[in-house]
PDB file of all heavy atoms in Angstrom:
ATOM      1  N   VAL A   1      -9.116 -24.253   5.632  1.00  0.00           N
ATOM      2  CA  VAL A   1      -9.814 -23.805   4.429  1.00  0.00           C
ATOM      3  C   VAL A   1      -9.727 -24.821   3.345  1.00  0.00           C
ATOM      4  O   VAL A   1      -8.661 -25.287   2.965  1.00  0.00           O
ATOM      5  CB  VAL A   1      -9.169 -22.464   3.952  1.00  0.00           C
ATOM      6  CG1 VAL A   1      -9.904 -21.971   2.674  1.00  0.00           C
ATOM      7  CG2 VAL A   1      -9.176 -21.410   5.011  1.00  0.00           C
ATOM      8  N   ARG A   2     -10.914 -25.132   2.776  1.00  0.00           N
ATOM      9  CA  ARG A   2     -11.010 -26.117   1.671  1.00  0.00           C
ATOM     10  C   ARG A   2     -10.717 -25.417   0.371  1.00  0.00           C
ATOM     11  O   ARG A   2     -11.247 -24.346   0.116  1.00  0.00           O
ATOM     12  CB  ARG A   2     -12.350 -26.777   1.670  1.00  0.00           C
ATOM     13  CG  ARG A   2     -12.685 -27.547   2.926  1.00  0.00           C
ATOM     14  CD  ARG A   2     -14.050 -28.233   2.783  1.00  0.00           C
ATOM     15  NE  ARG A   2     -13.967 -29.363   1.865  1.00  0.00           N
ATOM     16  CZ  ARG A   2     -14.999 -29.783   1.132  1.00  0.00           C
ATOM     17  NH1 ARG A   2     -16.170 -29.137   1.161  1.00  0.00           N
ATOM     18  NH2 ARG A   2     -14.837 -30.826   0.295  1.00  0.00           N
ATOM     19  N   THR A   3      -9.876 -25.989  -0.483  1.00  0.00           N
ATOM     20  CA  THR A   3      -9.441 -25.378  -1.727  1.00  0.00           C
ATOM     21  C   THR A   3      -9.418 -26.414  -2.826  1.00  0.00           C
ATOM     22  O   THR A   3      -9.540 -27.640  -2.601  1.00  0.00           O
ATOM     23  CB  THR A   3      -8.068 -24.756  -1.611  1.00  0.00           C
ATOM     24  OG1 THR A   3      -7.113 -25.772  -1.293  1.00  0.00           O
ATOM     25  CG2 THR A   3      -8.030 -23.677  -0.546  1.00  0.00           C
ATOM     26  N   GLY A   4      -9.301 -25.925  -4.071  1.00  0.00           N
ATOM     27  CA  GLY A   4      -9.022 -26.774  -5.191  1.00  0.00           C
ATOM     28  C   GLY A   4     -10.139 -27.770  -5.530  1.00  0.00           C
ATOM     29  O   GLY A   4     -11.311 -27.445  -5.485  1.00  0.00           O
ATOM     30  N   VAL A   5      -9.737 -28.984  -5.915  1.00  0.00           N
ATOM     31  CA  VAL A   5     -10.700 -29.968  -6.367  1.00  0.00           C
ATOM     32  C   VAL A   5     -11.713 -30.306  -5.287  1.00  0.00           C
ATOM     33  O   VAL A   5     -12.836 -30.759  -5.597  1.00  0.00           O
ATOM     34  CB  VAL A   5      -9.956 -31.279  -6.807  1.00  0.00           C
ATOM     35  CG1 VAL A   5      -9.099 -31.007  -8.042  1.00  0.00           C
ATOM     36  CG2 VAL A   5      -9.120 -31.847  -5.686  1.00  0.00           C
ATOM     37  N   ALA A   6     -11.384 -30.117  -4.045  1.00  0.00           N
ATOM     38  CA  ALA A   6     -12.305 -30.437  -2.951  1.00  0.00           C
ATOM     39  C   ALA A   6     -13.565 -29.597  -3.042  1.00  0.00           C
ATOM     40  O   ALA A   6     -14.653 -30.007  -2.576  1.00  0.00           O
ATOM     41  CB  ALA A   6     -11.638 -30.232  -1.609  1.00  0.00           C
ATOM     42  N   ILE A   7     -13.478 -28.438  -3.655  1.00  0.00           N
ATOM     43  CA  ILE A   7     -14.679 -27.584  -3.783  1.00  0.00           C
ATOM     44  C   ILE A   7     -14.943 -27.274  -5.226  1.00  0.00           C
ATOM     45  O   ILE A   7     -15.681 -26.321  -5.566  1.00  0.00           O
ATOM     46  CB  ILE A   7     -14.529 -26.289  -2.903  1.00  0.00           C
ATOM     47  CG1 ILE A   7     -13.120 -25.628  -3.105  1.00  0.00           C
ATOM     48  CG2 ILE A   7     -14.736 -26.580  -1.465  1.00  0.00           C
ATOM     49  CD1 ILE A   7     -13.089 -24.603  -4.159  1.00  0.00           C
ATOM     50  N   GLY A   8     -14.342 -28.052  -6.133  1.00  0.00           N
ATOM     51  CA  GLY A   8     -14.630 -27.909  -7.547  1.00  0.00           C
ATOM     52  C   GLY A   8     -13.964 -26.756  -8.230  1.00  0.00           C
ATOM     53  O   GLY A   8     -14.382 -26.287  -9.298  1.00  0.00           O
ATOM     54  N   ALA A   9     -12.839 -26.262  -7.680  1.00  0.00           N
ATOM     55  CA  ALA A   9     -12.123 -25.109  -8.262  1.00  0.00           C
ATOM     56  C   ALA A   9     -11.006 -25.601  -9.171  1.00  0.00           C
ATOM     57  O   ALA A   9     -10.431 -26.650  -8.927  1.00  0.00           O
ATOM     58  CB  ALA A   9     -11.594 -24.233  -7.146  1.00  0.00           C
ATOM     59  N   SER A  10     -10.698 -24.778 -10.127  1.00  0.00           N
ATOM     60  CA  SER A  10      -9.628 -25.197 -11.107  1.00  0.00           C
ATOM     61  C   SER A  10      -8.253 -24.972 -10.482  1.00  0.00           C
ATOM     62  O   SER A  10      -7.301 -25.686 -10.817  1.00  0.00           O
ATOM     63  CB  SER A  10      -9.772 -24.395 -12.400  1.00  0.00           C
ATOM     64  OG  SER A  10      -9.688 -22.991 -12.128  1.00  0.00           O
ATOM     65  N   SER A  11      -8.093 -23.933  -9.608  1.00  0.00           N
ATOM     66  CA  SER A  11      -6.822 -23.682  -8.973  1.00  0.00           C
ATOM     67  C   SER A  11      -6.760 -24.396  -7.637  1.00  0.00           C
ATOM     68  O   SER A  11      -7.718 -24.428  -6.860  1.00  0.00           O
ATOM     69  CB  SER A  11      -6.661 -22.163  -8.740  1.00  0.00           C
ATOM     70  OG  SER A  11      -5.580 -21.950  -7.864  1.00  0.00           O
ATOM     71  N   PRO A  12      -5.577 -25.025  -7.317  1.00  0.00           N
ATOM     72  CA  PRO A  12      -5.480 -25.714  -6.049  1.00  0.00           C
ATOM     73  C   PRO A  12      -5.528 -24.778  -4.839  1.00  0.00           C
ATOM     74  O   PRO A  12      -5.660 -25.221  -3.690  1.00  0.00           O
ATOM     75  CB  PRO A  12      -4.122 -26.375  -6.110  1.00  0.00           C
ATOM     76  CG  PRO A  12      -3.346 -25.642  -7.138  1.00  0.00           C
ATOM     77  CD  PRO A  12      -4.340 -25.163  -8.119  1.00  0.00           C
ATOM     78  N   TYR A  13      -5.460 -23.453  -5.077  1.00  0.00           N
ATOM     79  CA  TYR A  13      -5.489 -22.500  -3.979  1.00  0.00           C
ATOM     80  C   TYR A  13      -6.701 -21.642  -3.940  1.00  0.00           C
ATOM     81  O   TYR A  13      -6.860 -20.777  -3.077  1.00  0.00           O
ATOM     82  CB  TYR A  13      -4.203 -21.601  -4.061  1.00  0.00           C
ATOM     83  CG  TYR A  13      -2.954 -22.408  -4.293  1.00  0.00           C
ATOM     84  CD1 TYR A  13      -2.232 -22.348  -5.477  1.00  0.00           C
ATOM     85  CD2 TYR A  13      -2.554 -23.317  -3.326  1.00  0.00           C
ATOM     86  CE1 TYR A  13      -1.123 -23.112  -5.687  1.00  0.00           C
ATOM     87  CE2 TYR A  13      -1.417 -24.131  -3.564  1.00  0.00           C
ATOM     88  CZ  TYR A  13      -0.742 -24.028  -4.722  1.00  0.00           C
ATOM     89  OH  TYR A  13       0.383 -24.830  -4.930  1.00  0.00           O
ATOM     90  N   ALA A  14      -7.652 -21.853  -4.867  1.00  0.00           N
ATOM     91  CA  ALA A  14      -8.913 -21.116  -4.864  1.00  0.00           C
ATOM     92  C   ALA A  14      -9.846 -21.707  -3.827  1.00  0.00           C
ATOM     93  O   ALA A  14      -9.885 -22.903  -3.576  1.00  0.00           O
ATOM     94  CB  ALA A  14      -9.554 -21.203  -6.286  1.00  0.00           C
ATOM     95  N   THR A  15     -10.590 -20.821  -3.195  1.00  0.00           N
ATOM     96  CA  THR A  15     -11.561 -21.261  -2.144  1.00  0.00           C
ATOM     97  C   THR A  15     -12.923 -21.284  -2.797  1.00  0.00           C
ATOM     98  O   THR A  15     -13.086 -21.051  -3.985  1.00  0.00           O
ATOM     99  CB  THR A  15     -11.550 -20.292  -0.962  1.00  0.00           C
ATOM    100  OG1 THR A  15     -12.127 -19.055  -1.376  1.00  0.00           O
ATOM    101  CG2 THR A  15     -10.151 -20.056  -0.455  1.00  0.00           C
ATOM    102  N   SER A  16     -13.956 -21.537  -1.949  1.00  0.00           N
ATOM    103  CA  SER A  16     -15.308 -21.596  -2.484  1.00  0.00           C
ATOM    104  C   SER A  16     -15.861 -20.218  -2.810  1.00  0.00           C
ATOM    105  O   SER A  16     -16.939 -20.089  -3.413  1.00  0.00           O
ATOM    106  CB  SER A  16     -16.200 -22.274  -1.394  1.00  0.00           C
ATOM    107  OG  SER A  16     -16.173 -21.536  -0.186  1.00  0.00           O
ATOM    108  N   HIS A  17     -15.127 -19.133  -2.481  1.00  0.00           N
ATOM    109  CA  HIS A  17     -15.567 -17.787  -2.726  1.00  0.00           C
ATOM    110  C   HIS A  17     -14.593 -17.160  -3.777  1.00  0.00           C
ATOM    111  O   HIS A  17     -13.417 -17.020  -3.486  1.00  0.00           O
ATOM    112  CB  HIS A  17     -15.628 -16.947  -1.453  1.00  0.00           C
ATOM    113  CG  HIS A  17     -16.456 -15.692  -1.606  1.00  0.00           C
ATOM    114  ND1 HIS A  17     -16.188 -14.722  -2.530  1.00  0.00           N
ATOM    115  CD2 HIS A  17     -17.512 -15.304  -0.917  1.00  0.00           C
ATOM    116  CE1 HIS A  17     -17.034 -13.755  -2.407  1.00  0.00           C
ATOM    117  NE2 HIS A  17     -17.872 -14.091  -1.439  1.00  0.00           N
ATOM    118  N   PRO A  18     -15.075 -16.777  -4.930  1.00  0.00           N
ATOM    119  CA  PRO A  18     -14.206 -16.133  -5.941  1.00  0.00           C
ATOM    120  C   PRO A  18     -13.462 -14.970  -5.388  1.00  0.00           C
ATOM    121  O   PRO A  18     -14.052 -14.085  -4.707  1.00  0.00           O
ATOM    122  CB  PRO A  18     -15.188 -15.758  -7.039  1.00  0.00           C
ATOM    123  CG  PRO A  18     -16.351 -16.628  -6.879  1.00  0.00           C
ATOM    124  CD  PRO A  18     -16.468 -16.834  -5.423  1.00  0.00           C
ATOM    125  N   GLY A  19     -12.171 -14.877  -5.656  1.00  0.00           N
ATOM    126  CA  GLY A  19     -11.389 -13.760  -5.190  1.00  0.00           C
ATOM    127  C   GLY A  19     -10.669 -13.998  -3.884  1.00  0.00           C
ATOM    128  O   GLY A  19      -9.823 -13.233  -3.481  1.00  0.00           O
ATOM    129  N   ILE A  20     -11.045 -15.100  -3.179  1.00  0.00           N
ATOM    130  CA  ILE A  20     -10.320 -15.459  -1.916  1.00  0.00           C
ATOM    131  C   ILE A  20      -9.529 -16.742  -2.180  1.00  0.00           C
ATOM    132  O   ILE A  20     -10.053 -17.732  -2.656  1.00  0.00           O
ATOM    133  CB  ILE A  20     -11.334 -15.669  -0.785  1.00  0.00           C
ATOM    134  CG1 ILE A  20     -12.184 -14.419  -0.523  1.00  0.00           C
ATOM    135  CG2 ILE A  20     -10.552 -16.016   0.491  1.00  0.00           C
ATOM    136  CD1 ILE A  20     -13.200 -14.596   0.605  1.00  0.00           C
ATOM    137  N   PHE A  21      -8.235 -16.657  -1.877  1.00  0.00           N
ATOM    138  CA  PHE A  21      -7.375 -17.786  -2.075  1.00  0.00           C
ATOM    139  C   PHE A  21      -6.707 -18.138  -0.746  1.00  0.00           C
ATOM    140  O   PHE A  21      -6.648 -17.330   0.161  1.00  0.00           O
ATOM    141  CB  PHE A  21      -6.274 -17.439  -3.094  1.00  0.00           C
ATOM    142  CG  PHE A  21      -6.830 -16.970  -4.408  1.00  0.00           C
ATOM    143  CD1 PHE A  21      -7.181 -15.642  -4.625  1.00  0.00           C
ATOM    144  CD2 PHE A  21      -6.923 -17.873  -5.474  1.00  0.00           C
ATOM    145  CE1 PHE A  21      -7.666 -15.223  -5.861  1.00  0.00           C
ATOM    146  CE2 PHE A  21      -7.436 -17.460  -6.717  1.00  0.00           C
ATOM    147  CZ  PHE A  21      -7.821 -16.112  -6.899  1.00  0.00           C
ATOM    148  N   ALA A  22      -6.270 -19.342  -0.592  1.00  0.00           N
ATOM    149  CA  ALA A  22      -5.643 -19.801   0.657  1.00  0.00           C
ATOM    150  C   ALA A  22      -4.337 -20.549   0.354  1.00  0.00           C
ATOM    151  O   ALA A  22      -4.288 -21.380  -0.603  1.00  0.00           O
ATOM    152  CB  ALA A  22      -6.575 -20.703   1.427  1.00  0.00           C
ATOM    153  N   VAL A  23      -3.321 -20.242   1.136  1.00  0.00           N
ATOM    154  CA  VAL A  23      -1.984 -20.915   0.923  1.00  0.00           C
ATOM    155  C   VAL A  23      -1.376 -21.212   2.265  1.00  0.00           C
ATOM    156  O   VAL A  23      -1.738 -20.642   3.286  1.00  0.00           O
ATOM    157  CB  VAL A  23      -1.009 -19.984   0.100  1.00  0.00           C
ATOM    158  CG1 VAL A  23      -1.471 -19.837  -1.327  1.00  0.00           C
ATOM    159  CG2 VAL A  23      -0.898 -18.639   0.790  1.00  0.00           C
ATOM    160  N   GLY A  24      -0.439 -22.180   2.256  1.00  0.00           N
ATOM    161  CA  GLY A  24       0.299 -22.485   3.461  1.00  0.00           C
ATOM    162  C   GLY A  24      -0.502 -23.416   4.399  1.00  0.00           C
ATOM    163  O   GLY A  24      -1.394 -24.133   3.984  1.00  0.00           O
ATOM    164  N   ASP A  25      -0.106 -23.397   5.690  1.00  0.00           N
ATOM    165  CA  ASP A  25      -0.612 -24.366   6.616  1.00  0.00           C
ATOM    166  C   ASP A  25      -2.097 -24.223   6.939  1.00  0.00           C
ATOM    167  O   ASP A  25      -2.746 -25.151   7.361  1.00  0.00           O
ATOM    168  CB  ASP A  25       0.104 -24.188   7.997  1.00  0.00           C
ATOM    169  CG  ASP A  25       1.566 -24.688   7.910  1.00  0.00           C
ATOM    170  OD1 ASP A  25       1.958 -25.118   6.808  1.00  0.00           O
ATOM    171  OD2 ASP A  25       2.293 -24.575   8.913  1.00  0.00           O
ATOM    172  N   VAL A  26      -2.705 -23.087   6.589  1.00  0.00           N
ATOM    173  CA  VAL A  26      -4.148 -22.847   6.845  1.00  0.00           C
ATOM    174  C   VAL A  26      -4.993 -23.606   5.838  1.00  0.00           C
ATOM    175  O   VAL A  26      -6.182 -23.813   6.086  1.00  0.00           O
ATOM    176  CB  VAL A  26      -4.454 -21.365   6.809  1.00  0.00           C
ATOM    177  CG1 VAL A  26      -4.492 -20.848   5.400  1.00  0.00           C
ATOM    178  CG2 VAL A  26      -5.757 -21.089   7.554  1.00  0.00           C
ATOM    179  N   ARG A  27      -4.395 -24.029   4.744  1.00  0.00           N
ATOM    180  CA  ARG A  27      -5.137 -24.724   3.694  1.00  0.00           C
ATOM    181  C   ARG A  27      -5.279 -26.204   3.978  1.00  0.00           C
ATOM    182  O   ARG A  27      -4.318 -26.872   4.291  1.00  0.00           O
ATOM    183  CB  ARG A  27      -4.409 -24.498   2.343  1.00  0.00           C
ATOM    184  CG  ARG A  27      -5.167 -24.972   1.141  1.00  0.00           C
ATOM    185  CD  ARG A  27      -4.382 -24.627  -0.134  1.00  0.00           C
ATOM    186  NE  ARG A  27      -3.120 -25.361  -0.237  1.00  0.00           N
ATOM    187  CZ  ARG A  27      -3.050 -26.609  -0.736  1.00  0.00           C
ATOM    188  NH1 ARG A  27      -4.123 -27.250  -1.115  1.00  0.00           N
ATOM    189  NH2 ARG A  27      -1.863 -27.171  -0.800  1.00  0.00           N
ATOM    190  N   ALA A  28      -6.498 -26.703   3.897  1.00  0.00           N
ATOM    191  CA  ALA A  28      -6.756 -28.118   4.135  1.00  0.00           C
ATOM    192  C   ALA A  28      -5.922 -28.956   3.158  1.00  0.00           C
ATOM    193  O   ALA A  28      -5.936 -28.736   1.940  1.00  0.00           O
ATOM    194  CB  ALA A  28      -8.235 -28.431   3.976  1.00  0.00           C
ATOM    195  N   GLY A  29      -5.221 -29.935   3.715  1.00  0.00           N
ATOM    196  CA  GLY A  29      -4.481 -30.866   2.860  1.00  0.00           C
ATOM    197  C   GLY A  29      -3.078 -30.353   2.488  1.00  0.00           C
ATOM    198  O   GLY A  29      -2.380 -31.017   1.714  1.00  0.00           O
ATOM    199  N   SER A  30      -2.669 -29.200   3.006  1.00  0.00           N
ATOM    200  CA  SER A  30      -1.360 -28.709   2.666  1.00  0.00           C
ATOM    201  C   SER A  30      -0.258 -29.498   3.343  1.00  0.00           C
ATOM    202  O   SER A  30      -0.516 -30.145   4.362  1.00  0.00           O
ATOM    203  CB  SER A  30      -1.238 -27.212   3.064  1.00  0.00           C
ATOM    204  OG  SER A  30      -1.303 -27.093   4.467  1.00  0.00           O
ATOM    205  N   VAL A  31       0.947 -29.441   2.755  1.00  0.00           N
ATOM    206  CA  VAL A  31       2.087 -30.077   3.342  1.00  0.00           C
ATOM    207  C   VAL A  31       2.703 -29.079   4.325  1.00  0.00           C
ATOM    208  O   VAL A  31       3.099 -27.984   3.961  1.00  0.00           O
ATOM    209  CB  VAL A  31       3.111 -30.483   2.246  1.00  0.00           C
ATOM    210  CG1 VAL A  31       4.386 -31.100   2.891  1.00  0.00           C
ATOM    211  CG2 VAL A  31       2.496 -31.405   1.245  1.00  0.00           C
ATOM    212  N   LYS A  32       2.796 -29.483   5.569  1.00  0.00           N
ATOM    213  CA  LYS A  32       3.256 -28.556   6.612  1.00  0.00           C
ATOM    214  C   LYS A  32       4.775 -28.444   6.624  1.00  0.00           C
ATOM    215  O   LYS A  32       5.452 -28.945   7.503  1.00  0.00           O
ATOM    216  CB  LYS A  32       2.736 -28.999   7.981  1.00  0.00           C
ATOM    217  CG  LYS A  32       1.218 -29.214   8.028  1.00  0.00           C
ATOM    218  CD  LYS A  32       0.455 -27.921   7.727  1.00  0.00           C
ATOM    219  CE  LYS A  32      -1.026 -28.038   7.991  1.00  0.00           C
ATOM    220  NZ  LYS A  32      -1.747 -28.800   6.945  1.00  0.00           N
TER     221      LYS A  32
END
């Protein structure tokens, strides 16, 4: 899941769809 600056969001955990957030290993670029 792409989040944060990669999709122009202000939160590093916001996705391209408002109200959906992604955290942990499923998030692109996360530290595993």
